[in-house]
Amino acid sequence: QVQLVQSGGGLVHAGGSLRLSCAVSGRTFSAGALGWFRQAPGKEREFVAGMSWSGGHTFYQDSVKGRFTISRDSAKSTVYLQMNSLKVEDAAVYYCAAGTQPSKLNLTLLSRYDSWGQGTQVTVSS
């Protein structure tokens, strides 16, 4: 069993920065994946950024490339999403996710993940 506890988020002006954190506890899953998704009101949950547990590969949604960075601190078992140059359209509830099983599924897919954080609101004002 894996538990994900999120922190960070809040209100920021457009152009500003925020960092989301996701503390991972429970059994390790070296063959898995870590990701961030977001869901705006009335929209489906969408992939934002992801990485293999080893950290060897990272992937981003096109709209956040160059602005967002996913990273992992192994010592703290924490995953981060650094968000810079935030836009109004980035506002959403953000979720961290872990895929704890070996899988050939692309890590941009919701179905790749089996554990989710509680979600945190990001609001961007114009």
N, C-alpha and C. Protein backbone atom coordinates (compact mmCIF):
# COMPACT_ATOMS: atom_id res chain seq x y z
N GLN A 1 0.85 -1.18 0.00
CA GLN A 1 0.00 0.00 0.00
C GLN A 1 0.89 1.24 0.00
N VAL A 2 0.53 2.20 -0.81
CA VAL A 2 1.28 3.44 -0.93
C VAL A 2 0.36 4.60 -0.56
N GLN A 3 0.88 5.53 0.21
CA GLN A 3 0.12 6.72 0.56
C GLN A 3 0.82 7.95 -0.01
N LEU A 4 0.02 8.84 -0.54
CA LEU A 4 0.53 10.08 -1.12
C LEU A 4 -0.14 11.25 -0.41
N VAL A 5 0.65 12.12 0.16
CA VAL A 5 0.13 13.28 0.87
C VAL A 5 0.69 14.55 0.23
N GLN A 6 -0.19 15.36 -0.27
CA GLN A 6 0.21 16.57 -1.00
C GLN A 6 0.26 17.79 -0.10
N SER A 7 1.09 18.74 -0.50
CA SER A 7 1.14 20.04 0.14
C SER A 7 1.54 21.07 -0.91
N GLY A 8 1.35 22.32 -0.56
CA GLY A 8 1.64 23.39 -1.51
C GLY A 8 0.36 23.86 -2.17
N GLY A 9 0.50 24.57 -3.24
CA GLY A 9 -0.65 25.12 -3.93
C GLY A 9 -1.07 26.45 -3.33
N GLY A 10 -2.19 26.97 -3.80
CA GLY A 10 -2.70 28.24 -3.30
C GLY A 10 -3.00 29.21 -4.42
N LEU A 11 -2.97 30.49 -4.07
CA LEU A 11 -3.32 31.56 -5.02
C LEU A 11 -2.05 32.29 -5.45
N VAL A 12 -1.93 32.52 -6.74
CA VAL A 12 -0.77 33.24 -7.27
C VAL A 12 -1.22 34.09 -8.44
N HIS A 13 -0.53 35.19 -8.68
CA HIS A 13 -0.82 36.01 -9.85
C HIS A 13 -0.23 35.36 -11.09
N ALA A 14 -0.81 35.64 -12.22
CA ALA A 14 -0.28 35.14 -13.48
C ALA A 14 1.18 35.58 -13.62
N GLY A 15 2.01 34.64 -14.06
CA GLY A 15 3.44 34.90 -14.16
C GLY A 15 4.22 34.46 -12.95
N GLY A 16 3.51 34.15 -11.88
CA GLY A 16 4.16 33.73 -10.65
C GLY A 16 4.51 32.26 -10.64
N SER A 17 5.00 31.81 -9.48
CA SER A 17 5.47 30.43 -9.33
C SER A 17 4.88 29.79 -8.09
N LEU A 18 4.73 28.49 -8.16
CA LEU A 18 4.32 27.68 -7.02
C LEU A 18 5.05 26.35 -7.09
N ARG A 19 5.23 25.73 -5.94
CA ARG A 19 5.77 24.39 -5.91
C ARG A 19 4.84 23.48 -5.14
N LEU A 20 4.48 22.39 -5.78
CA LEU A 20 3.67 21.37 -5.14
C LEU A 20 4.58 20.24 -4.67
N SER A 21 4.24 19.67 -3.53
CA SER A 21 4.99 18.55 -2.98
C SER A 21 4.07 17.37 -2.77
N CYS A 22 4.63 16.18 -2.85
CA CYS A 22 3.86 14.96 -2.65
C CYS A 22 4.75 13.97 -1.90
N ALA A 23 4.44 13.74 -0.65
CA ALA A 23 5.21 12.82 0.17
C ALA A 23 4.69 11.40 -0.06
N VAL A 24 5.60 10.52 -0.40
CA VAL A 24 5.25 9.14 -0.73
C VAL A 24 5.69 8.23 0.42
N SER A 25 4.78 7.44 0.93
CA SER A 25 5.12 6.49 1.99
C SER A 25 4.52 5.14 1.68
N GLY A 26 5.02 4.14 2.34
CA GLY A 26 4.56 2.79 2.11
C GLY A 26 5.63 2.00 1.38
N ARG A 27 5.22 0.94 0.75
CA ARG A 27 6.21 0.09 0.11
C ARG A 27 6.79 0.77 -1.13
N THR A 28 8.02 0.43 -1.42
CA THR A 28 8.66 1.04 -2.57
C THR A 28 8.26 0.32 -3.85
N PHE A 29 8.48 0.94 -4.95
CA PHE A 29 8.07 0.38 -6.22
C PHE A 29 9.03 0.86 -7.29
N SER A 30 10.20 0.27 -7.29
CA SER A 30 11.25 0.75 -8.16
C SER A 30 10.90 0.67 -9.63
N ALA A 31 9.93 -0.16 -9.98
CA ALA A 31 9.57 -0.30 -11.39
C ALA A 31 8.42 0.59 -11.78
N GLY A 32 8.02 1.48 -10.90
CA GLY A 32 6.81 2.25 -11.13
C GLY A 32 7.02 3.61 -11.75
N ALA A 33 5.98 4.41 -11.62
CA ALA A 33 5.98 5.75 -12.21
C ALA A 33 5.36 6.74 -11.24
N LEU A 34 5.73 7.98 -11.40
CA LEU A 34 5.19 9.07 -10.61
C LEU A 34 4.66 10.13 -11.55
N GLY A 35 3.55 10.73 -11.19
CA GLY A 35 2.99 11.72 -12.09
C GLY A 35 2.19 12.80 -11.39
N TRP A 36 1.93 13.86 -12.12
CA TRP A 36 1.04 14.92 -11.69
C TRP A 36 -0.05 15.10 -12.73
N PHE A 37 -1.27 15.19 -12.25
CA PHE A 37 -2.42 15.44 -13.09
C PHE A 37 -3.16 16.67 -12.57
N ARG A 38 -4.06 17.20 -13.35
CA ARG A 38 -4.87 18.31 -12.89
C ARG A 38 -6.28 18.20 -13.46
N GLN A 39 -7.20 18.81 -12.74
CA GLN A 39 -8.58 18.78 -13.17
C GLN A 39 -9.22 20.13 -12.89
N ALA A 40 -9.63 20.79 -13.95
CA ALA A 40 -10.33 22.07 -13.84
C ALA A 40 -11.84 21.81 -13.79
N PRO A 41 -12.62 22.73 -13.26
CA PRO A 41 -14.07 22.53 -13.17
C PRO A 41 -14.68 22.22 -14.52
N GLY A 42 -15.47 21.16 -14.58
CA GLY A 42 -16.15 20.79 -15.80
C GLY A 42 -15.30 20.10 -16.82
N LYS A 43 -14.05 19.82 -16.47
CA LYS A 43 -13.14 19.17 -17.42
C LYS A 43 -12.65 17.83 -16.86
N GLU A 44 -12.14 17.02 -17.74
CA GLU A 44 -11.59 15.74 -17.31
C GLU A 44 -10.20 15.93 -16.70
N ARG A 45 -9.84 14.99 -15.88
CA ARG A 45 -8.49 15.02 -15.30
C ARG A 45 -7.48 14.79 -16.42
N GLU A 46 -6.44 15.62 -16.44
CA GLU A 46 -5.47 15.52 -17.52
C GLU A 46 -4.05 15.41 -17.00
N PHE A 47 -3.23 14.76 -17.79
CA PHE A 47 -1.82 14.57 -17.45
C PHE A 47 -1.09 15.91 -17.53
N VAL A 48 -0.21 16.12 -16.56
CA VAL A 48 0.62 17.32 -16.56
C VAL A 48 2.09 16.96 -16.73
N ALA A 49 2.58 16.08 -15.87
CA ALA A 49 3.99 15.71 -15.91
C ALA A 49 4.16 14.33 -15.28
N GLY A 50 5.18 13.61 -15.72
CA GLY A 50 5.41 12.29 -15.16
C GLY A 50 6.87 11.90 -15.28
N MET A 51 7.23 10.92 -14.47
CA MET A 51 8.60 10.43 -14.53
C MET A 51 8.64 8.99 -14.05
N SER A 52 9.64 8.27 -14.51
CA SER A 52 9.84 6.93 -13.99
C SER A 52 10.35 7.04 -12.56
N TRP A 53 10.11 6.01 -11.78
CA TRP A 53 10.55 6.07 -10.39
C TRP A 53 12.07 6.26 -10.31
N SER A 54 12.79 5.71 -11.25
CA SER A 54 14.23 5.85 -11.27
C SER A 54 14.65 7.27 -11.63
N GLY A 55 13.72 8.03 -12.17
CA GLY A 55 14.03 9.40 -12.53
C GLY A 55 14.72 9.54 -13.87
N GLY A 56 14.83 8.44 -14.60
CA GLY A 56 15.58 8.49 -15.83
C GLY A 56 14.86 9.22 -16.97
N HIS A 57 13.54 9.26 -16.92
CA HIS A 57 12.79 9.88 -18.01
C HIS A 57 11.69 10.77 -17.43
N THR A 58 11.53 11.92 -18.03
CA THR A 58 10.44 12.80 -17.64
C THR A 58 9.61 13.15 -18.86
N PHE A 59 8.33 13.38 -18.65
CA PHE A 59 7.41 13.69 -19.73
C PHE A 59 6.51 14.83 -19.28
N TYR A 60 6.12 15.67 -20.23
CA TYR A 60 5.29 16.82 -19.91
C TYR A 60 4.20 17.00 -20.96
N GLN A 61 3.09 17.52 -20.48
CA GLN A 61 2.07 17.98 -21.42
C GLN A 61 2.65 19.16 -22.19
N ASP A 62 2.31 19.26 -23.45
CA ASP A 62 2.92 20.31 -24.28
C ASP A 62 2.72 21.71 -23.70
N SER A 63 1.58 21.95 -23.10
CA SER A 63 1.28 23.31 -22.64
C SER A 63 2.11 23.74 -21.43
N VAL A 64 2.77 22.79 -20.78
CA VAL A 64 3.56 23.16 -19.60
C VAL A 64 5.06 22.99 -19.82
N LYS A 65 5.44 22.48 -20.96
CA LYS A 65 6.86 22.30 -21.24
C LYS A 65 7.61 23.62 -21.15
N GLY A 66 8.75 23.58 -20.48
CA GLY A 66 9.54 24.78 -20.30
C GLY A 66 9.10 25.63 -19.12
N ARG A 67 7.95 25.33 -18.54
CA ARG A 67 7.45 26.10 -17.39
C ARG A 67 7.37 25.25 -16.12
N PHE A 68 7.02 23.99 -16.27
CA PHE A 68 6.87 23.08 -15.12
C PHE A 68 8.01 22.08 -15.11
N THR A 69 8.38 21.67 -13.90
CA THR A 69 9.42 20.66 -13.75
C THR A 69 9.02 19.66 -12.68
N ILE A 70 9.04 18.39 -13.04
CA ILE A 70 8.80 17.34 -12.06
C ILE A 70 10.15 16.82 -11.59
N SER A 71 10.24 16.57 -10.29
CA SER A 71 11.49 16.07 -9.74
C SER A 71 11.19 15.22 -8.52
N ARG A 72 12.20 14.50 -8.09
CA ARG A 72 12.03 13.60 -6.94
C ARG A 72 13.23 13.72 -6.02
N ASP A 73 12.96 13.80 -4.76
CA ASP A 73 14.00 13.77 -3.73
C ASP A 73 13.96 12.38 -3.10
N SER A 74 14.92 11.54 -3.45
CA SER A 74 14.90 10.16 -2.97
C SER A 74 15.00 10.08 -1.46
N ALA A 75 15.85 10.91 -0.88
CA ALA A 75 16.07 10.87 0.57
C ALA A 75 14.79 11.21 1.33
N LYS A 76 13.99 12.10 0.78
CA LYS A 76 12.76 12.51 1.44
C LYS A 76 11.54 11.78 0.92
N SER A 77 11.73 10.93 -0.07
CA SER A 77 10.61 10.23 -0.70
C SER A 77 9.51 11.22 -1.07
N THR A 78 9.91 12.28 -1.70
CA THR A 78 8.97 13.33 -2.06
C THR A 78 9.10 13.68 -3.53
N VAL A 79 7.98 13.88 -4.15
CA VAL A 79 7.93 14.30 -5.55
C VAL A 79 7.48 15.74 -5.59
N TYR A 80 8.07 16.51 -6.46
CA TYR A 80 7.76 17.92 -6.57
C TYR A 80 7.25 18.27 -7.96
N LEU A 81 6.46 19.30 -8.02
CA LEU A 81 6.11 19.91 -9.29
C LEU A 81 6.36 21.40 -9.14
N GLN A 82 7.43 21.86 -9.74
CA GLN A 82 7.75 23.29 -9.76
C GLN A 82 7.03 23.92 -10.92
N MET A 83 6.23 24.92 -10.64
CA MET A 83 5.43 25.57 -11.68
C MET A 83 5.83 27.03 -11.77
N ASN A 84 6.38 27.40 -12.91
CA ASN A 84 6.80 28.78 -13.15
C ASN A 84 5.97 29.40 -14.27
N SER A 85 5.99 30.70 -14.35
CA SER A 85 5.27 31.43 -15.39
C SER A 85 3.82 30.94 -15.50
N LEU A 86 3.17 30.86 -14.37
CA LEU A 86 1.82 30.32 -14.33
C LEU A 86 0.85 31.19 -15.12
N LYS A 87 -0.08 30.52 -15.75
CA LYS A 87 -1.11 31.18 -16.54
C LYS A 87 -2.47 30.92 -15.92
N VAL A 88 -3.43 31.76 -16.26
CA VAL A 88 -4.78 31.59 -15.73
C VAL A 88 -5.31 30.20 -16.05
N GLU A 89 -4.98 29.71 -17.23
CA GLU A 89 -5.48 28.40 -17.66
C GLU A 89 -4.82 27.24 -16.93
N ASP A 90 -3.81 27.51 -16.10
CA ASP A 90 -3.21 26.45 -15.29
C ASP A 90 -4.02 26.18 -14.01
N ALA A 91 -4.96 27.03 -13.72
CA ALA A 91 -5.74 26.87 -12.50
C ALA A 91 -6.54 25.57 -12.53
N ALA A 92 -6.43 24.81 -11.45
CA ALA A 92 -7.09 23.51 -11.37
C ALA A 92 -6.78 22.90 -10.01
N VAL A 93 -7.40 21.77 -9.75
CA VAL A 93 -6.98 20.93 -8.63
C VAL A 93 -5.91 19.99 -9.17
N TYR A 94 -4.78 19.98 -8.52
CA TYR A 94 -3.66 19.16 -8.94
C TYR A 94 -3.55 17.92 -8.06
N TYR A 95 -3.27 16.80 -8.70
CA TYR A 95 -3.15 15.52 -8.01
C TYR A 95 -1.81 14.88 -8.33
N CYS A 96 -1.15 14.37 -7.31
CA CYS A 96 0.01 13.53 -7.59
C CYS A 96 -0.47 12.08 -7.64
N ALA A 97 0.28 11.28 -8.34
CA ALA A 97 -0.13 9.89 -8.56
C ALA A 97 1.09 9.00 -8.62
N ALA A 98 0.88 7.74 -8.23
CA ALA A 98 1.94 6.75 -8.30
C ALA A 98 1.41 5.50 -9.00
N GLY A 99 2.20 5.01 -9.89
CA GLY A 99 1.92 3.72 -10.51
C GLY A 99 2.86 2.71 -9.91
N THR A 100 2.34 1.83 -9.09
CA THR A 100 3.19 0.97 -8.29
C THR A 100 3.52 -0.36 -8.94
N GLN A 101 2.93 -0.64 -10.05
CA GLN A 101 3.16 -1.93 -10.71
C GLN A 101 3.95 -1.74 -11.99
N PRO A 102 4.78 -2.71 -12.32
CA PRO A 102 5.45 -2.65 -13.63
C PRO A 102 4.39 -2.64 -14.72
N SER A 103 4.56 -1.82 -15.70
CA SER A 103 3.55 -1.71 -16.74
C SER A 103 4.18 -1.16 -18.00
N LYS A 104 3.60 -1.56 -19.12
CA LYS A 104 4.03 -1.00 -20.40
C LYS A 104 3.16 0.18 -20.80
N LEU A 105 2.17 0.50 -19.99
CA LEU A 105 1.32 1.63 -20.29
C LEU A 105 2.11 2.92 -20.25
N ASN A 106 1.81 3.78 -21.16
CA ASN A 106 2.43 5.10 -21.18
C ASN A 106 2.11 5.83 -19.89
N LEU A 107 3.10 6.48 -19.31
CA LEU A 107 2.84 7.12 -18.03
C LEU A 107 2.07 8.42 -18.14
N THR A 108 1.66 8.79 -19.33
CA THR A 108 0.76 9.93 -19.48
C THR A 108 -0.69 9.53 -19.28
N LEU A 109 -0.95 8.24 -19.16
CA LEU A 109 -2.32 7.74 -19.06
C LEU A 109 -2.77 7.62 -17.60
N LEU A 110 -3.99 7.99 -17.34
CA LEU A 110 -4.57 7.85 -16.01
C LEU A 110 -4.48 6.40 -15.52
N SER A 111 -4.72 5.47 -16.41
CA SER A 111 -4.78 4.06 -16.05
C SER A 111 -3.43 3.49 -15.64
N ARG A 112 -2.38 4.26 -15.86
CA ARG A 112 -1.05 3.82 -15.46
C ARG A 112 -0.88 3.89 -13.94
N TYR A 113 -1.73 4.64 -13.27
CA TYR A 113 -1.54 4.96 -11.87
C TYR A 113 -2.60 4.31 -10.99
N ASP A 114 -2.18 3.86 -9.81
CA ASP A 114 -3.12 3.19 -8.92
C ASP A 114 -3.21 3.81 -7.54
N SER A 115 -2.42 4.83 -7.29
CA SER A 115 -2.50 5.53 -6.00
C SER A 115 -2.52 7.03 -6.27
N TRP A 116 -3.34 7.74 -5.51
CA TRP A 116 -3.53 9.17 -5.76
C TRP A 116 -3.44 9.97 -4.46
N GLY A 117 -2.92 11.18 -4.61
CA GLY A 117 -2.95 12.12 -3.51
C GLY A 117 -4.33 12.72 -3.35
N GLN A 118 -4.48 13.55 -2.33
CA GLN A 118 -5.80 14.10 -2.00
C GLN A 118 -6.18 15.30 -2.87
N GLY A 119 -5.25 15.81 -3.62
CA GLY A 119 -5.53 16.97 -4.47
C GLY A 119 -5.26 18.28 -3.75
N THR A 120 -4.81 19.26 -4.50
CA THR A 120 -4.56 20.58 -3.95
C THR A 120 -4.94 21.64 -4.98
N GLN A 121 -5.58 22.69 -4.52
CA GLN A 121 -6.08 23.72 -5.42
C GLN A 121 -4.96 24.69 -5.80
N VAL A 122 -4.89 24.97 -7.08
CA VAL A 122 -4.01 26.03 -7.60
C VAL A 122 -4.90 27.05 -8.29
N THR A 123 -4.85 28.27 -7.83
CA THR A 123 -5.64 29.35 -8.41
C THR A 123 -4.69 30.40 -8.96
N VAL A 124 -4.92 30.81 -10.19
CA VAL A 124 -4.06 31.81 -10.83
C VAL A 124 -4.93 33.00 -11.22
N SER A 125 -4.61 34.16 -10.67
CA SER A 125 -5.38 35.36 -10.96
C SER A 125 -4.72 36.16 -12.09
N SER A 126 -5.54 36.84 -12.85
CA SER A 126 -5.02 37.63 -13.98
C SER A 126 -4.60 39.01 -13.54
